[in-house]
Each structure stands twice: as C-alpha cells, then as structure tokens.
Amino acid sequence: MKNNSTCPKCKTNDIIRIPGYSGPDGLGNNIRLGFFRFYSVKVTRYVCCNCGFSEEWIDNSNDIEKLKNKYKK
C-alpha cells in the first residue's frame, strides 16, 4: 500500500496514511529504543478504508539501522 497506493487484499485505492508519532510516556505508534521518547522509531500506518487491512512501515532507513543494532542477534 505504501508503494502503489492499492490495497493488496481488496484492490481499492482508498488508502489513508497515519504518520508515526511518539508522545509523552511512549504514547503513539512507535517502537521504543530507550527510556526517553526521543529514543524511539516512528512507525507509519497505511489503512485501507474499504476492507480495513493495514500495514506498518519504518520510513527512515536510519531508524531501521537503529532497530537492527538493538534487536538483531
């Protein structure tokens, strides 16, 4: 959905993008990397308004590297 604006399930193009957010106390759509909220990776959601299918993406390649450094074994 991120790349072609089409739902892979129902093939509609009625897609909304919900930007990642990191609020106080870790609220929002993010992955925490540390204690403080600025140590988090924002996760963007794409939602089909027809069938409800959703995807989550990490938009920033630097954030992907941070996740690899923290979680990859």
PDB file of N, CA and C in Angstrom:
ATOM      1  N   MET A   1       0.820  -1.188   0.000  1.00  0.00           N
ATOM      2  CA  MET A   1       0.000   0.000   0.000  1.00  0.00           C
ATOM      3  C   MET A   1       0.864   1.253   0.000  1.00  0.00           C
ATOM      4  N   LYS A   2       1.998   1.151   0.681  1.00  0.00           N
ATOM      5  CA  LYS A   2       2.891   2.313   0.738  1.00  0.00           C
ATOM      6  C   LYS A   2       3.409   2.673  -0.652  1.00  0.00           C
ATOM      7  N   ASN A   3       3.781   1.684  -1.428  1.00  0.00           N
ATOM      8  CA  ASN A   3       4.451   1.937  -2.699  1.00  0.00           C
ATOM      9  C   ASN A   3       3.514   2.156  -3.879  1.00  0.00           C
ATOM     10  N   ASN A   4       2.327   1.537  -3.864  1.00  0.00           N
ATOM     11  CA  ASN A   4       1.463   1.673  -5.027  1.00  0.00           C
ATOM     12  C   ASN A   4       0.059   2.195  -4.702  1.00  0.00           C
ATOM     13  N   SER A   5      -0.199   2.549  -3.467  1.00  0.00           N
ATOM     14  CA  SER A   5      -1.483   3.122  -3.030  1.00  0.00           C
ATOM     15  C   SER A   5      -2.677   2.238  -3.369  1.00  0.00           C
ATOM     16  N   THR A   6      -2.457   0.925  -3.395  1.00  0.00           N
ATOM     17  CA  THR A   6      -3.530  -0.032  -3.657  1.00  0.00           C
ATOM     18  C   THR A   6      -3.519  -1.090  -2.569  1.00  0.00           C
ATOM     19  N   CYS A   7      -4.680  -1.438  -2.072  1.00  0.00           N
ATOM     20  CA  CYS A   7      -4.786  -2.480  -1.052  1.00  0.00           C
ATOM     21  C   CYS A   7      -4.518  -3.846  -1.682  1.00  0.00           C
ATOM     22  N   PRO A   8      -3.617  -4.645  -1.119  1.00  0.00           N
ATOM     23  CA  PRO A   8      -3.328  -5.969  -1.677  1.00  0.00           C
ATOM     24  C   PRO A   8      -4.471  -6.968  -1.453  1.00  0.00           C
ATOM     25  N   LYS A   9      -5.377  -6.654  -0.552  1.00  0.00           N
ATOM     26  CA  LYS A   9      -6.484  -7.579  -0.253  1.00  0.00           C
ATOM     27  C   LYS A   9      -7.699  -7.335  -1.146  1.00  0.00           C
ATOM     28  N   CYS A  10      -8.153  -6.080  -1.238  1.00  0.00           N
ATOM     29  CA  CYS A  10      -9.397  -5.800  -1.968  1.00  0.00           C
ATOM     30  C   CYS A  10      -9.179  -4.965  -3.227  1.00  0.00           C
ATOM     31  N   LYS A  11      -7.940  -4.550  -3.471  1.00  0.00           N
ATOM     32  CA  LYS A  11      -7.533  -3.827  -4.686  1.00  0.00           C
ATOM     33  C   LYS A  11      -8.073  -2.401  -4.805  1.00  0.00           C
ATOM     34  N   THR A  12      -8.665  -1.857  -3.759  1.00  0.00           N
ATOM     35  CA  THR A  12      -9.112  -0.469  -3.813  1.00  0.00           C
ATOM     36  C   THR A  12      -7.931   0.469  -3.633  1.00  0.00           C
ATOM     37  N   ASN A  13      -8.113   1.727  -3.981  1.00  0.00           N
ATOM     38  CA  ASN A  13      -7.055   2.715  -3.748  1.00  0.00           C
ATOM     39  C   ASN A  13      -7.498   3.759  -2.728  1.00  0.00           C
ATOM     40  N   ASP A  14      -8.461   3.403  -1.903  1.00  0.00           N
ATOM     41  CA  ASP A  14      -8.947   4.282  -0.836  1.00  0.00           C
ATOM     42  C   ASP A  14      -8.107   4.027   0.418  1.00  0.00           C
ATOM     43  N   ILE A  15      -6.887   4.572   0.401  1.00  0.00           N
ATOM     44  CA  ILE A  15      -5.874   4.313   1.436  1.00  0.00           C
ATOM     45  C   ILE A  15      -5.600   5.605   2.196  1.00  0.00           C
ATOM     46  N   ILE A  16      -5.476   5.495   3.513  1.00  0.00           N
ATOM     47  CA  ILE A  16      -5.032   6.638   4.302  1.00  0.00           C
ATOM     48  C   ILE A  16      -3.682   6.316   4.936  1.00  0.00           C
ATOM     49  N   ARG A  17      -2.887   7.364   5.117  1.00  0.00           N
ATOM     50  CA  ARG A  17      -1.571   7.241   5.758  1.00  0.00           C
ATOM     51  C   ARG A  17      -1.653   7.924   7.105  1.00  0.00           C
ATOM     52  N   ILE A  18      -1.282   7.182   8.158  1.00  0.00           N
ATOM     53  CA  ILE A  18      -1.277   7.726   9.515  1.00  0.00           C
ATOM     54  C   ILE A  18       0.182   7.805   9.954  1.00  0.00           C
ATOM     55  N   PRO A  19       0.724   9.009  10.056  1.00  0.00           N
ATOM     56  CA  PRO A  19       2.136   9.148  10.393  1.00  0.00           C
ATOM     57  C   PRO A  19       2.455   8.608  11.787  1.00  0.00           C
ATOM     58  N   GLY A  20       3.673   8.102  11.930  1.00  0.00           N
ATOM     59  CA  GLY A  20       4.141   7.665  13.239  1.00  0.00           C
ATOM     60  C   GLY A  20       4.208   8.833  14.199  1.00  0.00           C
ATOM     61  N   TYR A  21       4.073   8.529  15.469  1.00  0.00           N
ATOM     62  CA  TYR A  21       4.030   9.569  16.493  1.00  0.00           C
ATOM     63  C   TYR A  21       4.650   9.025  17.760  1.00  0.00           C
ATOM     64  N   SER A  22       5.406   9.848  18.432  1.00  0.00           N
ATOM     65  CA  SER A  22       5.988   9.477  19.713  1.00  0.00           C
ATOM     66  C   SER A  22       5.661  10.575  20.713  1.00  0.00           C
ATOM     67  N   GLY A  23       4.676  10.320  21.553  1.00  0.00           N
ATOM     68  CA  GLY A  23       4.223  11.308  22.513  1.00  0.00           C
ATOM     69  C   GLY A  23       4.752  11.045  23.911  1.00  0.00           C
ATOM     70  N   PRO A  24       4.259  11.780  24.872  1.00  0.00           N
ATOM     71  CA  PRO A  24       4.677  11.599  26.260  1.00  0.00           C
ATOM     72  C   PRO A  24       4.392  10.179  26.752  1.00  0.00           C
ATOM     73  N   ASP A  25       5.244   9.703  27.586  1.00  0.00           N
ATOM     74  CA  ASP A  25       5.102   8.361  28.176  1.00  0.00           C
ATOM     75  C   ASP A  25       5.069   7.253  27.140  1.00  0.00           C
ATOM     76  N   GLY A  26       5.644   7.487  25.943  1.00  0.00           N
ATOM     77  CA  GLY A  26       5.711   6.456  24.922  1.00  0.00           C
ATOM     78  C   GLY A  26       4.436   6.254  24.138  1.00  0.00           C
ATOM     79  N   LEU A  27       3.465   7.138  24.306  1.00  0.00           N
ATOM     80  CA  LEU A  27       2.226   7.008  23.565  1.00  0.00           C
ATOM     81  C   LEU A  27       2.465   7.238  22.084  1.00  0.00           C
ATOM     82  N   GLY A  28       1.652   6.630  21.250  1.00  0.00           N
ATOM     83  CA  GLY A  28       1.752   6.815  19.809  1.00  0.00           C
ATOM     84  C   GLY A  28       2.122   5.527  19.122  1.00  0.00           C
ATOM     85  N   ASN A  29       2.338   5.624  17.829  1.00  0.00           N
ATOM     86  CA  ASN A  29       2.727   4.465  17.040  1.00  0.00           C
ATOM     87  C   ASN A  29       4.237   4.514  16.839  1.00  0.00           C
ATOM     88  N   ASN A  30       4.941   3.823  17.727  1.00  0.00           N
ATOM     89  CA  ASN A  30       6.394   3.860  17.706  1.00  0.00           C
ATOM     90  C   ASN A  30       6.958   2.610  18.362  1.00  0.00           C
ATOM     91  N   ILE A  31       8.249   2.411  18.177  1.00  0.00           N
ATOM     92  CA  ILE A  31       8.991   1.333  18.845  1.00  0.00           C
ATOM     93  C   ILE A  31      10.026   2.004  19.736  1.00  0.00           C
ATOM     94  N   ARG A  32       9.948   1.746  21.004  1.00  0.00           N
ATOM     95  CA  ARG A  32      10.880   2.377  21.962  1.00  0.00           C
ATOM     96  C   ARG A  32      12.247   1.713  21.880  1.00  0.00           C
ATOM     97  N   LEU A  33      13.268   2.533  21.905  1.00  0.00           N
ATOM     98  CA  LEU A  33      14.646   2.048  21.925  1.00  0.00           C
ATOM     99  C   LEU A  33      15.342   2.370  23.232  1.00  0.00           C
ATOM    100  N   GLY A  34      14.730   3.199  24.027  1.00  0.00           N
ATOM    101  CA  GLY A  34      15.310   3.605  25.292  1.00  0.00           C
ATOM    102  C   GLY A  34      14.240   4.178  26.197  1.00  0.00           C
ATOM    103  N   PHE A  35      14.681   4.734  27.286  1.00  0.00           N
ATOM    104  CA  PHE A  35      13.752   5.244  28.290  1.00  0.00           C
ATOM    105  C   PHE A  35      12.990   6.476  27.822  1.00  0.00           C
ATOM    106  N   PHE A  36      13.694   7.400  27.169  1.00  0.00           N
ATOM    107  CA  PHE A  36      13.065   8.653  26.759  1.00  0.00           C
ATOM    108  C   PHE A  36      12.413   8.528  25.390  1.00  0.00           C
ATOM    109  N   ARG A  37      11.380   9.346  25.147  1.00  0.00           N
ATOM    110  CA  ARG A  37      10.615   9.223  23.906  1.00  0.00           C
ATOM    111  C   ARG A  37      11.420   9.575  22.665  1.00  0.00           C
ATOM    112  N   PHE A  38      12.467  10.389  22.805  1.00  0.00           N
ATOM    113  CA  PHE A  38      13.271  10.690  21.619  1.00  0.00           C
ATOM    114  C   PHE A  38      14.182   9.528  21.251  1.00  0.00           C
ATOM    115  N   TYR A  39      14.180   8.463  22.061  1.00  0.00           N
ATOM    116  CA  TYR A  39      14.850   7.212  21.711  1.00  0.00           C
ATOM    117  C   TYR A  39      13.805   6.231  21.207  1.00  0.00           C
ATOM    118  N   SER A  40      13.104   6.628  20.176  1.00  0.00           N
ATOM    119  CA  SER A  40      12.083   5.752  19.610  1.00  0.00           C
ATOM    120  C   SER A  40      12.091   5.881  18.097  1.00  0.00           C
ATOM    121  N   VAL A  41      11.541   4.866  17.444  1.00  0.00           N
ATOM    122  CA  VAL A  41      11.410   4.835  15.997  1.00  0.00           C
ATOM    123  C   VAL A  41       9.933   4.965  15.670  1.00  0.00           C
ATOM    124  N   LYS A  42       9.604   5.919  14.831  1.00  0.00           N
ATOM    125  CA  LYS A  42       8.211   6.135  14.460  1.00  0.00           C
ATOM    126  C   LYS A  42       7.785   5.114  13.400  1.00  0.00           C
ATOM    127  N   VAL A  43       6.578   4.592  13.559  1.00  0.00           N
ATOM    128  CA  VAL A  43       6.026   3.597  12.651  1.00  0.00           C
ATOM    129  C   VAL A  43       4.804   4.202  11.959  1.00  0.00           C
ATOM    130  N   THR A  44       4.849   4.267  10.628  1.00  0.00           N
ATOM    131  CA  THR A  44       3.751   4.823   9.846  1.00  0.00           C
ATOM    132  C   THR A  44       2.772   3.714   9.487  1.00  0.00           C
ATOM    133  N   ARG A  45       1.485   3.987   9.633  1.00  0.00           N
ATOM    134  CA  ARG A  45       0.439   3.022   9.276  1.00  0.00           C
ATOM    135  C   ARG A  45      -0.227   3.431   7.968  1.00  0.00           C
ATOM    136  N   TYR A  46      -0.535   2.426   7.168  1.00  0.00           N
ATOM    137  CA  TYR A  46      -1.335   2.600   5.962  1.00  0.00           C
ATOM    138  C   TYR A  46      -2.575   1.735   6.143  1.00  0.00           C
ATOM    139  N   VAL A  47      -3.747   2.343   6.005  1.00  0.00           N
ATOM    140  CA  VAL A  47      -5.002   1.645   6.287  1.00  0.00           C
ATOM    141  C   VAL A  47      -5.926   1.739   5.080  1.00  0.00           C
ATOM    142  N   CYS A  48      -6.492   0.595   4.685  1.00  0.00           N
ATOM    143  CA  CYS A  48      -7.481   0.556   3.619  1.00  0.00           C
ATOM    144  C   CYS A  48      -8.840   0.943   4.203  1.00  0.00           C
ATOM    145  N   CYS A  49      -9.460   1.953   3.610  1.00  0.00           N
ATOM    146  CA  CYS A  49     -10.761   2.429   4.106  1.00  0.00           C
ATOM    147  C   CYS A  49     -11.913   1.570   3.595  1.00  0.00           C
ATOM    148  N   ASN A  50     -11.625   0.587   2.746  1.00  0.00           N
ATOM    149  CA  ASN A  50     -12.663  -0.299   2.235  1.00  0.00           C
ATOM    150  C   ASN A  50     -12.775  -1.574   3.077  1.00  0.00           C
ATOM    151  N   CYS A  51     -11.654  -2.267   3.271  1.00  0.00           N
ATOM    152  CA  CYS A  51     -11.714  -3.559   3.976  1.00  0.00           C
ATOM    153  C   CYS A  51     -11.063  -3.531   5.359  1.00  0.00           C
ATOM    154  N   GLY A  52     -10.305  -2.472   5.671  1.00  0.00           N
ATOM    155  CA  GLY A  52      -9.690  -2.364   6.983  1.00  0.00           C
ATOM    156  C   GLY A  52      -8.303  -2.958   7.092  1.00  0.00           C
ATOM    157  N   PHE A  53      -7.787  -3.535   6.021  1.00  0.00           N
ATOM    158  CA  PHE A  53      -6.433  -4.078   6.048  1.00  0.00           C
ATOM    159  C   PHE A  53      -5.454  -2.954   6.367  1.00  0.00           C
ATOM    160  N   SER A  54      -4.395  -3.254   7.135  1.00  0.00           N
ATOM    161  CA  SER A  54      -3.399  -2.231   7.462  1.00  0.00           C
ATOM    162  C   SER A  54      -1.994  -2.799   7.356  1.00  0.00           C
ATOM    163  N   GLU A  55      -1.059  -1.901   7.078  1.00  0.00           N
ATOM    164  CA  GLU A  55       0.367  -2.218   7.056  1.00  0.00           C
ATOM    165  C   GLU A  55       1.078  -1.188   7.913  1.00  0.00           C
ATOM    166  N   GLU A  56       2.219  -1.590   8.463  1.00  0.00           N
ATOM    167  CA  GLU A  56       3.061  -0.661   9.217  1.00  0.00           C
ATOM    168  C   GLU A  56       4.448  -0.653   8.594  1.00  0.00           C
ATOM    169  N   TRP A  57       5.010   0.549   8.458  1.00  0.00           N
ATOM    170  CA  TRP A  57       6.303   0.723   7.814  1.00  0.00           C
ATOM    171  C   TRP A  57       7.190   1.650   8.634  1.00  0.00           C
ATOM    172  N   ILE A  58       8.482   1.362   8.606  1.00  0.00           N
ATOM    173  CA  ILE A  58       9.500   2.270   9.125  1.00  0.00           C
ATOM    174  C   ILE A  58       9.986   3.061   7.914  1.00  0.00           C
ATOM    175  N   ASP A  59       9.728   4.356   7.888  1.00  0.00           N
ATOM    176  CA  ASP A  59      10.027   5.173   6.713  1.00  0.00           C
ATOM    177  C   ASP A  59      11.486   5.600   6.613  1.00  0.00           C
ATOM    178  N   ASN A  60      12.171   5.706   7.730  1.00  0.00           N
ATOM    179  CA  ASN A  60      13.524   6.238   7.763  1.00  0.00           C
ATOM    180  C   ASN A  60      14.545   5.092   7.815  1.00  0.00           C
ATOM    181  N   SER A  61      15.424   5.016   6.825  1.00  0.00           N
ATOM    182  CA  SER A  61      16.415   3.925   6.787  1.00  0.00           C
ATOM    183  C   SER A  61      17.373   3.986   7.978  1.00  0.00           C
ATOM    184  N   ASN A  62      17.648   5.174   8.500  1.00  0.00           N
ATOM    185  CA  ASN A  62      18.492   5.274   9.702  1.00  0.00           C
ATOM    186  C   ASN A  62      17.807   4.612  10.891  1.00  0.00           C
ATOM    187  N   ASP A  63      16.486   4.727  10.968  1.00  0.00           N
ATOM    188  CA  ASP A  63      15.742   4.087  12.056  1.00  0.00           C
ATOM    189  C   ASP A  63      15.788   2.574  11.942  1.00  0.00           C
ATOM    190  N   ILE A  64      15.810   2.056  10.718  1.00  0.00           N
ATOM    191  CA  ILE A  64      15.925   0.609  10.530  1.00  0.00           C
ATOM    192  C   ILE A  64      17.260   0.122  11.078  1.00  0.00           C
ATOM    193  N   GLU A  65      18.318   0.888  10.826  1.00  0.00           N
ATOM    194  CA  GLU A  65      19.632   0.535  11.362  1.00  0.00           C
ATOM    195  C   GLU A  65      19.636   0.547  12.889  1.00  0.00           C
ATOM    196  N   LYS A  66      18.960   1.522  13.488  1.00  0.00           N
ATOM    197  CA  LYS A  66      18.859   1.561  14.947  1.00  0.00           C
ATOM    198  C   LYS A  66      18.167   0.321  15.492  1.00  0.00           C
ATOM    199  N   LEU A  67      17.100  -0.108  14.817  1.00  0.00           N
ATOM    200  CA  LEU A  67      16.396  -1.319  15.245  1.00  0.00           C
ATOM    201  C   LEU A  67      17.281  -2.548  15.107  1.00  0.00           C
ATOM    202  N   LYS A  68      18.029  -2.637  14.008  1.00  0.00           N
ATOM    203  CA  LYS A  68      18.937  -3.774  13.821  1.00  0.00           C
ATOM    204  C   LYS A  68      19.983  -3.821  14.920  1.00  0.00           C
ATOM    205  N   ASN A  69      20.531  -2.663  15.263  1.00  0.00           N
ATOM    206  CA  ASN A  69      21.568  -2.611  16.295  1.00  0.00           C
ATOM    207  C   ASN A  69      21.030  -3.041  17.663  1.00  0.00           C
ATOM    208  N   LYS A  70      19.793  -2.730  17.924  1.00  0.00           N
ATOM    209  CA  LYS A  70      19.222  -3.051  19.234  1.00  0.00           C
ATOM    210  C   LYS A  70      18.692  -4.484  19.310  1.00  0.00           C
ATOM    211  N   TYR A  71      18.038  -4.970  18.240  1.00  0.00           N
ATOM    212  CA  TYR A  71      17.298  -6.227  18.335  1.00  0.00           C
ATOM    213  C   TYR A  71      17.854  -7.404  17.548  1.00  0.00           C
ATOM    214  N   LYS A  72      18.703  -7.161  16.564  1.00  0.00           N
ATOM    215  CA  LYS A  72      19.202  -8.274  15.772  1.00  0.00           C
ATOM    216  C   LYS A  72      20.245  -9.063  16.545  1.00  0.00           C
ATOM    217  N   LYS A  73      20.072 -10.363  16.522  1.00  0.00           N
ATOM    218  CA  LYS A  73      21.007 -11.237  17.256  1.00  0.00           C
ATOM    219  C   LYS A  73      21.985 -11.887  16.317  1.00  0.00           C
TER     220      LYS A  73
END
